[in-house]
PDB file of N, CA and C in Angstrom:
ATOM      1  N   MET A   1     112.563  98.163 128.081  1.00  0.00           N
ATOM      2  CA  MET A   1     111.494  98.397 129.214  1.00  0.00           C
ATOM      3  C   MET A   1     111.751  99.859 129.690  1.00  0.00           C
ATOM      4  N   GLU A   2     112.927 100.365 129.612  1.00  0.00           N
ATOM      5  CA  GLU A   2     112.869 102.136 130.185  1.00  0.00           C
ATOM      6  C   GLU A   2     112.265 102.922 129.208  1.00  0.00           C
ATOM      7  N   LEU A   3     112.037 102.392 127.686  1.00  0.00           N
ATOM      8  CA  LEU A   3     111.203 103.389 127.141  1.00  0.00           C
ATOM      9  C   LEU A   3     109.589 102.897 127.038  1.00  0.00           C
ATOM     10  N   ASN A   4     109.336 102.003 127.756  1.00  0.00           N
ATOM     11  CA  ASN A   4     107.873 101.730 127.911  1.00  0.00           C
ATOM     12  C   ASN A   4     107.041 102.608 129.181  1.00  0.00           C
ATOM     13  N   ARG A   5     106.114 103.133 128.688  1.00  0.00           N
ATOM     14  CA  ARG A   5     105.446 103.956 129.813  1.00  0.00           C
ATOM     15  C   ARG A   5     104.158 103.040 130.572  1.00  0.00           C
ATOM     16  N   ASN A   6     103.661 103.167 131.828  1.00  0.00           N
ATOM     17  CA  ASN A   6     102.771 102.251 132.109  1.00  0.00           C
ATOM     18  C   ASN A   6     101.483 102.918 131.550  1.00  0.00           C
ATOM     19  N   GLN A   7     100.562 102.067 131.158  1.00  0.00           N
ATOM     20  CA  GLN A   7      99.335 102.525 130.807  1.00  0.00           C
ATOM     21  C   GLN A   7      98.521 103.266 131.772  1.00  0.00           C
ATOM     22  N   ALA A   8      97.534 104.084 131.442  1.00  0.00           N
ATOM     23  CA  ALA A   8      96.544 104.623 132.419  1.00  0.00           C
ATOM     24  C   ALA A   8      95.928 103.510 133.300  1.00  0.00           C
ATOM     25  N   GLY A   9      95.666 103.943 134.552  1.00  0.00           N
ATOM     26  CA  GLY A   9      94.986 103.057 135.361  1.00  0.00           C
ATOM     27  C   GLY A   9      95.865 101.935 135.882  1.00  0.00           C
ATOM     28  N   VAL A  10      97.197 101.872 135.877  1.00  0.00           N
ATOM     29  CA  VAL A  10      98.114 100.822 136.502  1.00  0.00           C
ATOM     30  C   VAL A  10      98.247 101.437 137.784  1.00  0.00           C
ATOM     31  N   PRO A  11      98.227 100.279 138.909  1.00  0.00           N
ATOM     32  CA  PRO A  11      98.569 100.965 140.196  1.00  0.00           C
ATOM     33  C   PRO A  11      99.748 101.659 140.370  1.00  0.00           C
ATOM     34  N   GLU A  12      99.907 102.413 141.462  1.00  0.00           N
ATOM     35  CA  GLU A  12     101.207 103.184 141.656  1.00  0.00           C
ATOM     36  C   GLU A  12     102.153 102.255 142.038  1.00  0.00           C
ATOM     37  N   THR A  13     101.699 101.028 142.662  1.00  0.00           N
ATOM     38  CA  THR A  13     102.772 100.217 143.035  1.00  0.00           C
ATOM     39  C   THR A  13     103.449  99.034 141.840  1.00  0.00           C
ATOM     40  N   TYR A  14     102.898  99.272 140.706  1.00  0.00           N
ATOM     41  CA  TYR A  14     103.069  98.382 139.588  1.00  0.00           C
ATOM     42  C   TYR A  14     104.769  98.153 139.444  1.00  0.00           C
ATOM     43  N   ASP A  15     105.426  99.334 139.358  1.00  0.00           N
ATOM     44  CA  ASP A  15     106.836  99.195 138.993  1.00  0.00           C
ATOM     45  C   ASP A  15     107.496  98.425 140.100  1.00  0.00           C
ATOM     46  N   THR A  16     107.217  98.907 141.393  1.00  0.00           N
ATOM     47  CA  THR A  16     107.815  98.186 142.677  1.00  0.00           C
ATOM     48  C   THR A  16     107.283  96.517 142.566  1.00  0.00           C
ATOM     49  N   LEU A  17     106.234  96.252 142.100  1.00  0.00           N
ATOM     50  CA  LEU A  17     106.035  94.651 142.413  1.00  0.00           C
ATOM     51  C   LEU A  17     106.630  94.174 141.078  1.00  0.00           C
ATOM     52  N   ARG A  18     106.748  94.839 139.941  1.00  0.00           N
ATOM     53  CA  ARG A  18     107.467  94.269 138.807  1.00  0.00           C
ATOM     54  C   ARG A  18     108.863  93.933 138.950  1.00  0.00           C
ATOM     55  N   GLN A  19     109.533  95.005 139.681  1.00  0.00           N
ATOM     56  CA  GLN A  19     111.022  94.790 139.950  1.00  0.00           C
ATOM     57  C   GLN A  19     111.327  93.304 141.034  1.00  0.00           C
ATOM     58  N   GLU A  20     110.217  93.537 141.979  1.00  0.00           N
ATOM     59  CA  GLU A  20     110.221  92.430 142.974  1.00  0.00           C
ATOM     60  C   GLU A  20     110.108  90.975 142.230  1.00  0.00           C
ATOM     61  N   TRP A  21     109.131  90.976 141.366  1.00  0.00           N
ATOM     62  CA  TRP A  21     109.015  89.739 140.657  1.00  0.00           C
ATOM     63  C   TRP A  21     110.019  89.330 139.608  1.00  0.00           C
ATOM     64  N   GLU A  22     110.753  90.376 139.028  1.00  0.00           N
ATOM     65  CA  GLU A  22     111.746  89.926 138.188  1.00  0.00           C
ATOM     66  C   GLU A  22     113.055  89.727 138.929  1.00  0.00           C
ATOM     67  N   GLY A  23     113.099  90.251 140.325  1.00  0.00           N
ATOM     68  CA  GLY A  23     114.283  89.890 140.965  1.00  0.00           C
ATOM     69  C   GLY A  23     114.183  88.602 141.609  1.00  0.00           C
ATOM     70  N   LYS A  24     113.134  87.752 141.521  1.00  0.00           N
ATOM     71  CA  LYS A  24     112.840  86.495 141.845  1.00  0.00           C
ATOM     72  C   LYS A  24     113.398  85.426 140.598  1.00  0.00           C
ATOM     73  N   ILE A  25     113.264  85.878 139.574  1.00  0.00           N
ATOM     74  CA  ILE A  25     113.547  85.206 138.547  1.00  0.00           C
ATOM     75  C   ILE A  25     115.196  84.980 138.531  1.00  0.00           C
ATOM     76  N   LYS A  26     115.727  83.503 138.350  1.00  0.00           N
ATOM     77  CA  LYS A  26     116.774  83.027 138.343  1.00  0.00           C
ATOM     78  C   LYS A  26     117.203  82.297 137.212  1.00  0.00           C
ATOM     79  N   GLU A  27     118.236  82.442 136.428  1.00  0.00           N
ATOM     80  CA  GLU A  27     118.380  81.629 135.214  1.00  0.00           C
ATOM     81  C   GLU A  27     118.663  80.107 135.475  1.00  0.00           C
ATOM     82  N   GLY A  28     118.251  79.318 134.726  1.00  0.00           N
ATOM     83  CA  GLY A  28     118.101  78.098 134.704  1.00  0.00           C
ATOM     84  C   GLY A  28     117.345  77.325 135.907  1.00  0.00           C
ATOM     85  N   VAL A  29     116.501  78.310 136.453  1.00  0.00           N
ATOM     86  CA  VAL A  29     115.687  77.650 137.626  1.00  0.00           C
ATOM     87  C   VAL A  29     114.127  77.810 137.309  1.00  0.00           C
ATOM     88  N   GLY A  30     113.444  76.769 137.584  1.00  0.00           N
ATOM     89  CA  GLY A  30     111.807  76.899 137.088  1.00  0.00           C
ATOM     90  C   GLY A  30     111.672  77.112 135.819  1.00  0.00           C
ATOM     91  N   ALA A  31     110.894  77.784 135.214  1.00  0.00           N
ATOM     92  CA  ALA A  31     110.379  78.053 133.695  1.00  0.00           C
ATOM     93  C   ALA A  31     111.472  78.542 133.075  1.00  0.00           C
ATOM     94  N   GLU A  32     112.571  78.945 133.633  1.00  0.00           N
ATOM     95  CA  GLU A  32     113.738  79.825 132.958  1.00  0.00           C
ATOM     96  C   GLU A  32     114.467  78.745 132.268  1.00  0.00           C
ATOM     97  N   LYS A  33     114.597  77.461 132.717  1.00  0.00           N
ATOM     98  CA  LYS A  33     115.237  76.513 132.110  1.00  0.00           C
ATOM     99  C   LYS A  33     114.980  76.132 130.722  1.00  0.00           C
ATOM    100  N   PHE A  34     113.530  76.482 130.278  1.00  0.00           N
ATOM    101  CA  PHE A  34     113.027  76.199 128.873  1.00  0.00           C
ATOM    102  C   PHE A  34     113.317  77.249 128.111  1.00  0.00           C
ATOM    103  N   THR A  35     113.787  78.338 128.395  1.00  0.00           N
ATOM    104  CA  THR A  35     114.159  79.356 127.429  1.00  0.00           C
ATOM    105  C   THR A  35     114.903  79.175 126.241  1.00  0.00           C
ATOM    106  N   GLY A  36     115.919  78.015 126.402  1.00  0.00           N
ATOM    107  CA  GLY A  36     116.507  77.752 125.141  1.00  0.00           C
ATOM    108  C   GLY A  36     116.222  76.501 124.342  1.00  0.00           C
ATOM    109  N   PHE A  37     114.854  76.066 124.734  1.00  0.00           N
ATOM    110  CA  PHE A  37     114.343  74.816 124.176  1.00  0.00           C
ATOM    111  C   PHE A  37     113.809  75.153 122.725  1.00  0.00           C
ATOM    112  N   VAL A  38     114.195  74.676 121.934  1.00  0.00           N
ATOM    113  CA  VAL A  38     113.625  74.944 120.394  1.00  0.00           C
ATOM    114  C   VAL A  38     113.115  73.618 119.679  1.00  0.00           C
ATOM    115  N   MET A  39     111.905  73.564 119.575  1.00  0.00           N
ATOM    116  CA  MET A  39     111.385  72.561 118.845  1.00  0.00           C
ATOM    117  C   MET A  39     111.670  72.296 117.433  1.00  0.00           C
ATOM    118  N   ASP A  40     112.141  71.019 117.117  1.00  0.00           N
ATOM    119  CA  ASP A  40     112.327  70.563 115.714  1.00  0.00           C
ATOM    120  C   ASP A  40     111.305  70.160 115.105  1.00  0.00           C
ATOM    121  N   THR A  41     110.505  70.482 114.490  1.00  0.00           N
ATOM    122  CA  THR A  41     109.316  69.908 114.085  1.00  0.00           C
ATOM    123  C   THR A  41     109.242  68.904 112.671  1.00  0.00           C
ATOM    124  N   SER A  42     110.344  68.968 112.055  1.00  0.00           N
ATOM    125  CA  SER A  42     110.763  68.228 110.713  1.00  0.00           C
ATOM    126  C   SER A  42     110.274  67.037 110.643  1.00  0.00           C
ATOM    127  N   SER A  43     110.260  66.314 111.678  1.00  0.00           N
ATOM    128  CA  SER A  43     109.718  64.763 111.666  1.00  0.00           C
ATOM    129  C   SER A  43     108.326  64.610 111.840  1.00  0.00           C
ATOM    130  N   ILE A  44     107.487  65.580 112.194  1.00  0.00           N
ATOM    131  CA  ILE A  44     106.281  65.565 112.395  1.00  0.00           C
ATOM    132  C   ILE A  44     105.386  66.681 111.738  1.00  0.00           C
ATOM    133  N   SER A  45     106.057  67.193 110.686  1.00  0.00           N
ATOM    134  CA  SER A  45     105.506  68.298 110.058  1.00  0.00           C
ATOM    135  C   SER A  45     104.003  68.272 109.591  1.00  0.00           C
ATOM    136  N   THR A  46     103.708  66.960 108.868  1.00  0.00           N
ATOM    137  CA  THR A  46     102.499  66.554 108.351  1.00  0.00           C
ATOM    138  C   THR A  46     101.417  66.446 109.518  1.00  0.00           C
ATOM    139  N   GLU A  47     101.672  66.197 110.647  1.00  0.00           N
ATOM    140  CA  GLU A  47     100.701  65.817 111.957  1.00  0.00           C
ATOM    141  C   GLU A  47     100.591  67.309 112.473  1.00  0.00           C
ATOM    142  N   VAL A  48     101.803  68.254 112.521  1.00  0.00           N
ATOM    143  CA  VAL A  48     101.637  69.493 112.980  1.00  0.00           C
ATOM    144  C   VAL A  48     100.634  70.231 112.108  1.00  0.00           C
ATOM    145  N   ALA A  49     100.839  70.224 110.917  1.00  0.00           N
ATOM    146  CA  ALA A  49      99.888  70.940 109.837  1.00  0.00           C
ATOM    147  C   ALA A  49      98.452  70.492 109.957  1.00  0.00           C
ATOM    148  N   ALA A  50      98.138  69.093 110.320  1.00  0.00           N
ATOM    149  CA  ALA A  50      96.933  68.499 110.265  1.00  0.00           C
ATOM    150  C   ALA A  50      96.197  68.790 111.652  1.00  0.00           C
ATOM    151  N   CYS A  51      97.094  68.999 112.779  1.00  0.00           N
ATOM    152  CA  CYS A  51      96.648  69.439 113.908  1.00  0.00           C
ATOM    153  C   CYS A  51      96.187  70.861 113.825  1.00  0.00           C
ATOM    154  N   THR A  52      96.835  71.744 113.133  1.00  0.00           N
ATOM    155  CA  THR A  52      96.615  73.189 113.063  1.00  0.00           C
ATOM    156  C   THR A  52      95.400  73.260 112.441  1.00  0.00           C
ATOM    157  N   ASN A  53      95.223  72.506 111.308  1.00  0.00           N
ATOM    158  CA  ASN A  53      93.818  72.695 110.622  1.00  0.00           C
ATOM    159  C   ASN A  53      92.620  72.146 111.443  1.00  0.00           C
ATOM    160  N   ALA A  54      92.869  71.062 112.456  1.00  0.00           N
ATOM    161  CA  ALA A  54      91.610  70.791 113.179  1.00  0.00           C
ATOM    162  C   ALA A  54      91.466  71.679 114.105  1.00  0.00           C
ATOM    163  N   ARG A  55      92.554  72.330 114.671  1.00  0.00           N
ATOM    164  CA  ARG A  55      92.271  73.331 115.884  1.00  0.00           C
ATOM    165  C   ARG A  55      91.573  74.614 115.059  1.00  0.00           C
ATOM    166  N   GLN A  56      91.902  74.858 113.836  1.00  0.00           N
ATOM    167  CA  GLN A  56      91.115  76.068 113.282  1.00  0.00           C
ATOM    168  C   GLN A  56      89.651  75.678 112.988  1.00  0.00           C
ATOM    169  N   GLN A  57      89.325  74.381 112.450  1.00  0.00           N
ATOM    170  CA  GLN A  57      88.072  74.009 112.086  1.00  0.00           C
ATOM    171  C   GLN A  57      87.245  73.549 113.400  1.00  0.00           C
ATOM    172  N   TYR A  58      87.683  73.039 114.447  1.00  0.00           N
ATOM    173  CA  TYR A  58      87.101  72.712 115.669  1.00  0.00           C
ATOM    174  C   TYR A  58      87.304  73.448 116.661  1.00  0.00           C
ATOM    175  N   GLY A  59      88.438  73.888 116.994  1.00  0.00           N
ATOM    176  CA  GLY A  59      89.084  74.532 118.330  1.00  0.00           C
ATOM    177  C   GLY A  59      88.392  75.954 118.247  1.00  0.00           C
ATOM    178  N   TRP A  60      88.985  76.859 117.338  1.00  0.00           N
ATOM    179  CA  TRP A  60      88.420  78.065 117.298  1.00  0.00           C
ATOM    180  C   TRP A  60      86.965  78.423 117.389  1.00  0.00           C
ATOM    181  N   PRO A  61      86.067  77.624 116.924  1.00  0.00           N
ATOM    182  CA  PRO A  61      84.370  77.936 116.865  1.00  0.00           C
ATOM    183  C   PRO A  61      84.479  77.580 118.814  1.00  0.00           C
ATOM    184  N   LEU A  62      85.072  76.690 119.292  1.00  0.00           N
ATOM    185  CA  LEU A  62      84.547  76.577 120.749  1.00  0.00           C
ATOM    186  C   LEU A  62      85.289  77.670 121.641  1.00  0.00           C
ATOM    187  N   GLU A  63      86.692  77.885 121.321  1.00  0.00           N
ATOM    188  CA  GLU A  63      87.008  79.214 121.809  1.00  0.00           C
ATOM    189  C   GLU A  63      86.271  80.606 121.733  1.00  0.00           C
ATOM    190  N   LEU A  64      85.567  80.437 120.579  1.00  0.00           N
ATOM    191  CA  LEU A  64      84.908  81.886 120.450  1.00  0.00           C
ATOM    192  C   LEU A  64      83.192  81.996 120.698  1.00  0.00           C
ATOM    193  N   GLY A  65      83.114  80.648 121.050  1.00  0.00           N
ATOM    194  CA  GLY A  65      81.518  80.187 121.733  1.00  0.00           C
ATOM    195  C   GLY A  65      80.495  80.391 120.378  1.00  0.00           C
ATOM    196  N   TYR A  66      81.119  79.682 119.402  1.00  0.00           N
ATOM    197  CA  TYR A  66      80.015  79.703 118.230  1.00  0.00           C
ATOM    198  C   TYR A  66      79.641  78.361 117.892  1.00  0.00           C
ATOM    199  N   THR A  67      79.316  77.596 119.029  1.00  0.00           N
ATOM    200  CA  THR A  67      78.936  76.315 119.062  1.00  0.00           C
ATOM    201  C   THR A  67      77.625  76.057 120.121  1.00  0.00           C
ATOM    202  N   ASP A  68      76.606  75.390 119.485  1.00  0.00           N
ATOM    203  CA  ASP A  68      75.328  75.270 120.330  1.00  0.00           C
ATOM    204  C   ASP A  68      75.455  74.298 121.383  1.00  0.00           C
ATOM    205  N   ASN A  69      76.290  73.192 120.981  1.00  0.00           N
ATOM    206  CA  ASN A  69      76.276  71.863 121.942  1.00  0.00           C
ATOM    207  C   ASN A  69      77.778  71.720 122.079  1.00  0.00           C
ATOM    208  N   VAL A  70      78.443  72.317 123.219  1.00  0.00           N
ATOM    209  CA  VAL A  70      79.514  72.234 123.577  1.00  0.00           C
ATOM    210  C   VAL A  70      80.095  70.952 123.913  1.00  0.00           C
ATOM    211  N   GLU A  71      79.480  70.130 124.508  1.00  0.00           N
ATOM    212  CA  GLU A  71      79.945  68.685 124.878  1.00  0.00           C
ATOM    213  C   GLU A  71      80.331  68.243 123.557  1.00  0.00           C
ATOM    214  N   ALA A  72      79.381  68.185 122.595  1.00  0.00           N
ATOM    215  CA  ALA A  72      79.501  67.433 121.314  1.00  0.00           C
ATOM    216  C   ALA A  72      80.718  67.984 120.496  1.00  0.00           C
ATOM    217  N   SER A  73      80.860  69.244 120.508  1.00  0.00           N
ATOM    218  CA  SER A  73      81.721  69.904 119.876  1.00  0.00           C
ATOM    219  C   SER A  73      83.167  69.522 120.222  1.00  0.00           C
ATOM    220  N   ILE A  74      83.224  69.362 121.542  1.00  0.00           N
ATOM    221  CA  ILE A  74      84.639  69.050 122.120  1.00  0.00           C
ATOM    222  C   ILE A  74      84.927  67.778 121.817  1.00  0.00           C
ATOM    223  N   GLU A  75      84.023  66.790 121.849  1.00  0.00           N
ATOM    224  CA  GLU A  75      84.126  65.346 121.382  1.00  0.00           C
ATOM    225  C   GLU A  75      84.489  65.500 120.005  1.00  0.00           C
ATOM    226  N   GLU A  76      84.060  66.317 119.030  1.00  0.00           N
ATOM    227  CA  GLU A  76      84.422  66.141 117.448  1.00  0.00           C
ATOM    228  C   GLU A  76      86.053  66.712 117.429  1.00  0.00           C
ATOM    229  N   TYR A  77      86.200  67.760 118.294  1.00  0.00           N
ATOM    230  CA  TYR A  77      87.416  68.484 118.330  1.00  0.00           C
ATOM    231  C   TYR A  77      88.510  67.355 118.919  1.00  0.00           C
ATOM    232  N   LYS A  78      88.215  66.614 119.926  1.00  0.00           N
ATOM    233  CA  LYS A  78      89.063  65.528 120.241  1.00  0.00           C
ATOM    234  C   LYS A  78      89.593  64.364 119.279  1.00  0.00           C
ATOM    235  N   THR A  79      88.208  63.960 118.366  1.00  0.00           N
ATOM    236  CA  THR A  79      88.252  62.956 117.519  1.00  0.00           C
ATOM    237  C   THR A  79      89.349  63.581 116.340  1.00  0.00           C
ATOM    238  N   ALA A  80      88.917  64.847 115.941  1.00  0.00           N
ATOM    239  CA  ALA A  80      90.012  65.541 114.926  1.00  0.00           C
ATOM    240  C   ALA A  80      91.407  65.492 115.192  1.00  0.00           C
ATOM    241  N   MET A  81      91.649  65.724 116.263  1.00  0.00           N
ATOM    242  CA  MET A  81      92.790  65.824 116.985  1.00  0.00           C
ATOM    243  C   MET A  81      93.782  64.543 116.813  1.00  0.00           C
ATOM    244  N   GLN A  82      92.843  63.456 117.348  1.00  0.00           N
ATOM    245  CA  GLN A  82      93.296  62.243 117.151  1.00  0.00           C
ATOM    246  C   GLN A  82      93.733  61.647 115.932  1.00  0.00           C
ATOM    247  N   ALA A  83      92.802  61.849 114.976  1.00  0.00           N
ATOM    248  CA  ALA A  83      93.089  61.481 113.606  1.00  0.00           C
ATOM    249  C   ALA A  83      94.301  62.350 112.920  1.00  0.00           C
ATOM    250  N   ALA A  84      94.389  63.700 113.366  1.00  0.00           N
ATOM    251  CA  ALA A  84      95.349  64.325 112.792  1.00  0.00           C
ATOM    252  C   ALA A  84      96.796  63.945 113.290  1.00  0.00           C
ATOM    253  N   GLY A  85      96.870  63.158 114.295  1.00  0.00           N
ATOM    254  CA  GLY A  85      98.011  62.608 114.678  1.00  0.00           C
ATOM    255  C   GLY A  85      98.848  63.372 116.113  1.00  0.00           C
ATOM    256  N   ILE A  86      97.723  63.951 117.020  1.00  0.00           N
ATOM    257  CA  ILE A  86      98.192  64.620 118.290  1.00  0.00           C
ATOM    258  C   ILE A  86      99.199  63.829 119.219  1.00  0.00           C
ATOM    259  N   ASP A  87      98.954  62.571 119.173  1.00  0.00           N
ATOM    260  CA  ASP A  87      99.603  61.794 120.082  1.00  0.00           C
ATOM    261  C   ASP A  87     101.073  61.540 119.576  1.00  0.00           C
ATOM    262  N   LYS A  88     101.231  61.442 118.433  1.00  0.00           N
ATOM    263  CA  LYS A  88     102.655  61.237 117.801  1.00  0.00           C
ATOM    264  C   LYS A  88     103.349  62.671 118.030  1.00  0.00           C
ATOM    265  N   VAL A  89     102.662  63.871 117.789  1.00  0.00           N
ATOM    266  CA  VAL A  89     102.977  65.245 118.007  1.00  0.00           C
ATOM    267  C   VAL A  89     103.579  65.276 119.513  1.00  0.00           C
ATOM    268  N   ILE A  90     102.836  64.731 120.641  1.00  0.00           N
ATOM    269  CA  ILE A  90     103.003  64.981 121.756  1.00  0.00           C
ATOM    270  C   ILE A  90     104.065  64.170 122.399  1.00  0.00           C
ATOM    271  N   ALA A  91     104.292  62.874 121.610  1.00  0.00           N
ATOM    272  CA  ALA A  91     105.174  62.054 122.089  1.00  0.00           C
ATOM    273  C   ALA A  91     106.766  62.664 121.491  1.00  0.00           C
ATOM    274  N   GLU A  92     106.553  63.014 120.299  1.00  0.00           N
ATOM    275  CA  GLU A  92     108.005  63.728 119.858  1.00  0.00           C
ATOM    276  C   GLU A  92     108.232  65.037 120.495  1.00  0.00           C
ATOM    277  N   CYS A  93     107.512  65.767 120.858  1.00  0.00           N
ATOM    278  CA  CYS A  93     107.732  67.065 121.721  1.00  0.00           C
ATOM    279  C   CYS A  93     108.185  66.333 123.121  1.00  0.00           C
ATOM    280  N   GLN A  94     107.769  65.602 123.957  1.00  0.00           N
ATOM    281  CA  GLN A  94     108.067  65.129 125.115  1.00  0.00           C
ATOM    282  C   GLN A  94     109.448  64.445 124.946  1.00  0.00           C
ATOM    283  N   LYS A  95     109.974  63.521 123.684  1.00  0.00           N
ATOM    284  CA  LYS A  95     111.218  62.995 123.433  1.00  0.00           C
ATOM    285  C   LYS A  95     112.106  64.326 123.341  1.00  0.00           C
ATOM    286  N   GLN A  96     111.890  65.210 122.648  1.00  0.00           N
ATOM    287  CA  GLN A  96     112.942  66.455 122.485  1.00  0.00           C
ATOM    288  C   GLN A  96     113.089  67.185 123.817  1.00  0.00           C
ATOM    289  N   LEU A  97     111.915  67.408 124.572  1.00  0.00           N
ATOM    290  CA  LEU A  97     111.965  68.098 125.846  1.00  0.00           C
ATOM    291  C   LEU A  97     113.009  67.288 126.810  1.00  0.00           C
ATOM    292  N   ASP A  98     112.892  65.762 126.953  1.00  0.00           N
ATOM    293  CA  ASP A  98     113.505  65.465 127.679  1.00  0.00           C
ATOM    294  C   ASP A  98     115.231  65.215 127.410  1.00  0.00           C
ATOM    295  N   ALA A  99     115.450  65.101 126.037  1.00  0.00           N
ATOM    296  CA  ALA A  99     116.474  65.111 125.476  1.00  0.00           C
ATOM    297  C   ALA A  99     117.127  66.599 125.919  1.00  0.00           C
ATOM    298  N   TYR A 100     116.589  67.857 125.851  1.00  0.00           N
ATOM    299  CA  TYR A 100     117.044  69.004 126.154  1.00  0.00           C
ATOM    300  C   TYR A 100     117.318  69.022 127.563  1.00  0.00           C
ATOM    301  N   LEU A 101     116.258  68.522 128.434  1.00  0.00           N
ATOM    302  CA  LEU A 101     116.607  68.724 130.005  1.00  0.00           C
ATOM    303  C   LEU A 101     117.872  67.874 130.252  1.00  0.00           C
ATOM    304  N   GLU A 102     117.980  66.761 129.687  1.00  0.00           N
ATOM    305  CA  GLU A 102     119.192  66.058 129.933  1.00  0.00           C
ATOM    306  C   GLU A 102     120.317  66.739 129.555  1.00  0.00           C
ATOM    307  N   SER A 103     120.305  67.305 128.653  1.00  0.00           N
ATOM    308  CA  SER A 103     121.588  68.019 128.170  1.00  0.00           C
ATOM    309  C   SER A 103     122.081  69.083 129.109  1.00  0.00           C
ATOM    310  N   LEU A 104     121.095  69.807 129.899  1.00  0.00           N
ATOM    311  CA  LEU A 104     121.307  70.839 130.942  1.00  0.00           C
ATOM    312  C   LEU A 104     122.127  70.286 132.132  1.00  0.00           C
ATOM    313  N   ASN A 105     122.032  68.733 132.480  1.00  0.00           N
ATOM    314  CA  ASN A 105     122.838  68.319 133.538  1.00  0.00           C
ATOM    315  C   ASN A 105     124.249  68.151 133.188  1.00  0.00           C
TER     316      ASN A 105
END
């Protein structure tokens, strides 16, 4: 961080605000406890790949505003993600996250 310079237009109080913010960060508290979590996707690699493809095909056009009927496009995206196995991905992620949090205790 010491080698980085602030961009032009950054408020003069930026460095002070950043130091105050970083001073509030405590190891193992809040979101910090998740820094050691690493997801193992080996058991869901097919579903992750399919969800990635669905996101590229249906999600990106929504994000970029390339769709005329947003509501219909959202429904297509939801359907594609369900078919790709998003529920299995979510369940496996939650299972691994729960095990990680338990290991912290």
